[in-house]
N, C-alpha and C. Protein backbone atom coordinates (compact mmCIF):
# COMPACT_ATOMS: atom_id res chain seq x y z
N MET A 1 0.86 -1.16 0.00
CA MET A 1 0.00 0.00 0.00
C MET A 1 0.91 1.23 0.00
N GLY A 2 0.58 2.16 -0.83
CA GLY A 2 1.40 3.35 -0.96
C GLY A 2 1.12 4.38 0.11
N LEU A 3 1.79 5.48 -0.01
CA LEU A 3 1.66 6.56 0.97
C LEU A 3 0.23 7.07 1.06
N VAL A 4 -0.41 7.26 -0.09
CA VAL A 4 -1.78 7.75 -0.10
C VAL A 4 -2.71 6.74 0.59
N GLY A 5 -2.52 5.47 0.29
CA GLY A 5 -3.33 4.44 0.92
C GLY A 5 -3.15 4.43 2.42
N ASN A 6 -1.91 4.57 2.88
CA ASN A 6 -1.65 4.62 4.32
C ASN A 6 -2.32 5.82 4.97
N ILE A 7 -2.27 6.95 4.31
CA ILE A 7 -2.89 8.16 4.86
C ILE A 7 -4.40 8.01 4.93
N LEU A 8 -4.98 7.45 3.87
CA LEU A 8 -6.44 7.31 3.84
C LEU A 8 -6.95 6.28 4.84
N THR A 9 -6.18 5.24 5.10
CA THR A 9 -6.63 4.21 6.03
C THR A 9 -6.13 4.43 7.45
N PHE A 10 -5.37 5.47 7.68
CA PHE A 10 -4.83 5.75 9.02
C PHE A 10 -5.91 5.83 10.10
N PRO A 11 -7.07 6.46 9.84
CA PRO A 11 -8.09 6.51 10.89
C PRO A 11 -8.57 5.12 11.35
N PHE A 12 -8.37 4.10 10.54
CA PHE A 12 -8.82 2.76 10.91
C PHE A 12 -7.74 1.96 11.62
N ALA A 13 -6.59 2.55 11.85
CA ALA A 13 -5.48 1.84 12.50
C ALA A 13 -5.87 1.29 13.88
N PRO A 14 -6.58 2.05 14.72
CA PRO A 14 -6.97 1.49 16.03
C PRO A 14 -7.86 0.24 15.90
N VAL A 15 -8.72 0.23 14.91
CA VAL A 15 -9.60 -0.92 14.70
C VAL A 15 -8.77 -2.13 14.30
N ARG A 16 -7.82 -1.94 13.39
CA ARG A 16 -6.95 -3.04 12.99
C ARG A 16 -6.13 -3.52 14.18
N GLY A 17 -5.68 -2.59 15.01
CA GLY A 17 -4.90 -2.96 16.20
C GLY A 17 -5.71 -3.78 17.18
N VAL A 18 -6.95 -3.40 17.39
CA VAL A 18 -7.84 -4.15 18.28
C VAL A 18 -8.09 -5.55 17.71
N GLY A 19 -8.29 -5.62 16.42
CA GLY A 19 -8.50 -6.93 15.77
C GLY A 19 -7.28 -7.82 15.94
N TRP A 20 -6.10 -7.25 15.83
CA TRP A 20 -4.87 -8.02 16.00
C TRP A 20 -4.77 -8.55 17.42
N VAL A 21 -5.07 -7.70 18.40
CA VAL A 21 -5.01 -8.11 19.80
C VAL A 21 -6.03 -9.21 20.09
N VAL A 22 -7.22 -9.06 19.59
CA VAL A 22 -8.26 -10.07 19.79
C VAL A 22 -7.82 -11.41 19.19
N ASP A 23 -7.21 -11.37 18.01
CA ASP A 23 -6.73 -12.59 17.38
C ASP A 23 -5.64 -13.25 18.22
N LYS A 24 -4.73 -12.47 18.77
CA LYS A 24 -3.66 -13.02 19.61
C LYS A 24 -4.23 -13.62 20.89
N VAL A 25 -5.21 -12.98 21.49
CA VAL A 25 -5.85 -13.52 22.70
C VAL A 25 -6.56 -14.82 22.38
N ARG A 26 -7.26 -14.87 21.24
CA ARG A 26 -7.94 -16.10 20.82
C ARG A 26 -6.93 -17.23 20.61
N GLN A 27 -5.82 -16.93 19.96
CA GLN A 27 -4.80 -17.96 19.74
C GLN A 27 -4.24 -18.48 21.06
N ALA A 28 -3.95 -17.58 21.99
CA ALA A 28 -3.42 -17.99 23.29
C ALA A 28 -4.43 -18.85 24.06
N ALA A 29 -5.70 -18.46 24.00
CA ALA A 29 -6.74 -19.23 24.68
C ALA A 29 -6.88 -20.62 24.08
N GLU A 30 -6.84 -20.71 22.75
CA GLU A 30 -6.93 -22.02 22.11
C GLU A 30 -5.73 -22.90 22.46
N GLU A 31 -4.54 -22.32 22.46
CA GLU A 31 -3.34 -23.08 22.82
C GLU A 31 -3.46 -23.63 24.24
N GLU A 32 -3.96 -22.82 25.15
CA GLU A 32 -4.11 -23.27 26.53
C GLU A 32 -5.20 -24.32 26.66
N TYR A 33 -6.32 -24.10 25.99
CA TYR A 33 -7.46 -25.02 26.09
C TYR A 33 -7.13 -26.38 25.47
N TYR A 34 -6.38 -26.36 24.39
CA TYR A 34 -6.06 -27.60 23.68
C TYR A 34 -4.67 -28.15 24.02
N ASP A 35 -4.13 -27.77 25.16
CA ASP A 35 -2.85 -28.31 25.62
C ASP A 35 -3.11 -29.63 26.36
N PRO A 36 -2.52 -30.73 25.90
CA PRO A 36 -2.80 -32.01 26.53
C PRO A 36 -2.08 -32.21 27.88
N ALA A 37 -1.06 -31.43 28.17
CA ALA A 37 -0.26 -31.63 29.39
C ALA A 37 -1.09 -31.59 30.67
N PRO A 38 -1.97 -30.61 30.88
CA PRO A 38 -2.75 -30.61 32.12
C PRO A 38 -3.68 -31.82 32.25
N VAL A 39 -4.22 -32.28 31.13
CA VAL A 39 -5.11 -33.44 31.17
C VAL A 39 -4.30 -34.69 31.52
N GLN A 40 -3.12 -34.82 30.92
CA GLN A 40 -2.26 -35.96 31.22
C GLN A 40 -1.83 -35.94 32.69
N GLU A 41 -1.52 -34.75 33.19
CA GLU A 41 -1.14 -34.62 34.60
C GLU A 41 -2.30 -35.01 35.51
N GLU A 42 -3.50 -34.62 35.13
CA GLU A 42 -4.67 -34.97 35.93
C GLU A 42 -4.91 -36.49 35.91
N LEU A 43 -4.62 -37.14 34.77
CA LEU A 43 -4.72 -38.60 34.72
C LEU A 43 -3.74 -39.25 35.69
N VAL A 44 -2.53 -38.74 35.75
CA VAL A 44 -1.53 -39.27 36.68
C VAL A 44 -2.00 -39.07 38.12
N ASN A 45 -2.50 -37.88 38.43
CA ASN A 45 -3.00 -37.60 39.78
C ASN A 45 -4.21 -38.47 40.13
N LEU A 46 -5.03 -38.74 39.13
CA LEU A 46 -6.19 -39.60 39.33
C LEU A 46 -5.75 -41.02 39.67
N GLU A 47 -4.78 -41.52 38.95
CA GLU A 47 -4.25 -42.86 39.23
C GLU A 47 -3.64 -42.92 40.63
N ARG A 48 -2.93 -41.87 41.00
CA ARG A 48 -2.33 -41.80 42.34
C ARG A 48 -3.41 -41.82 43.41
N ALA A 49 -4.47 -41.05 43.19
CA ALA A 49 -5.57 -41.00 44.16
C ALA A 49 -6.23 -42.38 44.31
N ARG A 50 -6.33 -43.11 43.21
CA ARG A 50 -6.93 -44.45 43.26
C ARG A 50 -6.03 -45.42 44.02
N THR A 51 -4.73 -45.39 43.73
CA THR A 51 -3.82 -46.32 44.40
C THR A 51 -3.67 -45.99 45.88
N GLU A 52 -3.85 -44.72 46.23
CA GLU A 52 -3.76 -44.33 47.64
C GLU A 52 -5.10 -44.51 48.37
N GLY A 53 -6.14 -44.91 47.65
CA GLY A 53 -7.43 -45.16 48.26
C GLY A 53 -8.26 -43.93 48.52
N ARG A 54 -7.91 -42.80 47.91
CA ARG A 54 -8.68 -41.58 48.13
C ARG A 54 -9.96 -41.53 47.30
N ILE A 55 -10.01 -42.34 46.24
CA ILE A 55 -11.24 -42.46 45.45
C ILE A 55 -11.48 -43.94 45.17
N ASP A 56 -12.74 -44.28 44.94
CA ASP A 56 -13.04 -45.69 44.65
C ASP A 56 -12.98 -45.94 43.14
N GLU A 57 -13.16 -47.19 42.77
CA GLU A 57 -13.04 -47.60 41.36
C GLU A 57 -14.07 -46.92 40.48
N GLU A 58 -15.28 -46.76 41.00
CA GLU A 58 -16.34 -46.13 40.21
C GLU A 58 -16.01 -44.68 39.89
N GLN A 59 -15.57 -43.93 40.89
CA GLN A 59 -15.18 -42.54 40.67
C GLN A 59 -14.00 -42.46 39.70
N PHE A 60 -13.05 -43.38 39.89
CA PHE A 60 -11.88 -43.41 39.02
C PHE A 60 -12.30 -43.66 37.57
N ALA A 61 -13.13 -44.65 37.35
CA ALA A 61 -13.54 -45.00 35.99
C ALA A 61 -14.30 -43.86 35.32
N ARG A 62 -15.19 -43.22 36.07
CA ARG A 62 -15.97 -42.12 35.52
C ARG A 62 -15.07 -40.94 35.12
N ARG A 63 -14.18 -40.55 36.02
CA ARG A 63 -13.30 -39.41 35.74
C ARG A 63 -12.27 -39.76 34.66
N GLU A 64 -11.78 -40.99 34.67
CA GLU A 64 -10.82 -41.40 33.65
C GLU A 64 -11.47 -41.33 32.26
N GLU A 65 -12.72 -41.76 32.16
CA GLU A 65 -13.43 -41.70 30.88
C GLU A 65 -13.55 -40.25 30.40
N GLU A 66 -13.87 -39.34 31.32
CA GLU A 66 -13.98 -37.92 30.96
C GLU A 66 -12.64 -37.39 30.44
N LEU A 67 -11.57 -37.72 31.14
CA LEU A 67 -10.25 -37.22 30.76
C LEU A 67 -9.79 -37.82 29.44
N LEU A 68 -10.05 -39.09 29.22
CA LEU A 68 -9.67 -39.71 27.96
C LEU A 68 -10.47 -39.13 26.80
N HIS A 69 -11.75 -38.83 27.05
CA HIS A 69 -12.56 -38.17 26.03
C HIS A 69 -11.98 -36.79 25.70
N ARG A 70 -11.55 -36.08 26.72
CA ARG A 70 -10.94 -34.75 26.51
C ARG A 70 -9.65 -34.88 25.69
N LEU A 71 -8.84 -35.89 25.96
CA LEU A 71 -7.62 -36.10 25.17
C LEU A 71 -7.95 -36.41 23.71
N GLU A 72 -9.01 -37.17 23.48
CA GLU A 72 -9.44 -37.44 22.11
C GLU A 72 -9.87 -36.15 21.41
N GLU A 73 -10.57 -35.30 22.13
CA GLU A 73 -11.00 -34.01 21.58
C GLU A 73 -9.78 -33.16 21.21
N ILE A 74 -8.79 -33.12 22.09
CA ILE A 74 -7.57 -32.36 21.84
C ILE A 74 -6.84 -32.92 20.63
N SER A 75 -6.75 -34.24 20.56
CA SER A 75 -6.07 -34.88 19.44
C SER A 75 -6.77 -34.57 18.12
N ALA A 76 -8.09 -34.64 18.11
CA ALA A 76 -8.86 -34.34 16.90
C ALA A 76 -8.65 -32.88 16.48
N TYR A 77 -8.65 -31.96 17.44
CA TYR A 77 -8.44 -30.55 17.13
C TYR A 77 -7.06 -30.34 16.53
N ARG A 78 -6.04 -30.93 17.14
CA ARG A 78 -4.68 -30.76 16.64
C ARG A 78 -4.52 -31.38 15.25
N LEU A 79 -5.15 -32.48 15.01
CA LEU A 79 -5.11 -33.11 13.69
C LEU A 79 -5.78 -32.21 12.66
N GLN A 80 -6.89 -31.61 13.04
CA GLN A 80 -7.60 -30.70 12.15
C GLN A 80 -6.73 -29.47 11.85
N GLN A 81 -5.99 -28.99 12.83
CA GLN A 81 -5.14 -27.82 12.62
C GLN A 81 -3.97 -28.13 11.68
N ASP A 82 -3.53 -29.39 11.68
CA ASP A 82 -2.40 -29.79 10.83
C ASP A 82 -2.84 -30.08 9.40
N THR A 83 -4.15 -30.27 9.18
CA THR A 83 -4.65 -30.57 7.85
C THR A 83 -4.88 -29.28 7.08
N PRO A 84 -4.28 -29.16 5.89
CA PRO A 84 -4.49 -27.95 5.09
C PRO A 84 -5.96 -27.82 4.66
N PRO A 85 -6.49 -26.59 4.58
CA PRO A 85 -7.87 -26.39 4.17
C PRO A 85 -8.12 -26.97 2.77
N GLY A 86 -9.29 -27.56 2.59
CA GLY A 86 -9.66 -28.12 1.30
C GLY A 86 -9.14 -29.52 1.06
N SER A 87 -8.47 -30.12 2.07
CA SER A 87 -7.95 -31.48 1.89
C SER A 87 -8.95 -32.52 2.32
C-alpha cells in the first residue's frame, strides 16, 4: 500500500490494532485449552488417588473416561489444525 493508501486508512489503525489483539488472545486461549499436558497430569494424579485409596473404582472409571474423552478431543483438534484447508 502506498503513501496515499496509508494516509487514507490511518483513521482505521486502532480498529486493525484491536483486531490483531483479539486474534492473539484467541490464539493464546486455544493453545491453553487444547494443551494435553494438564489433562495428562490430571490422569496421573487420578491414578495416584486411586492407588492411595482416596477415590473408589467407580469414581476413578468415571473421571478417567472424561479425561480420555478430553484427550481425544484435543487430538482431533490438533489433527484438524495440521490438515491444510480443502484437503
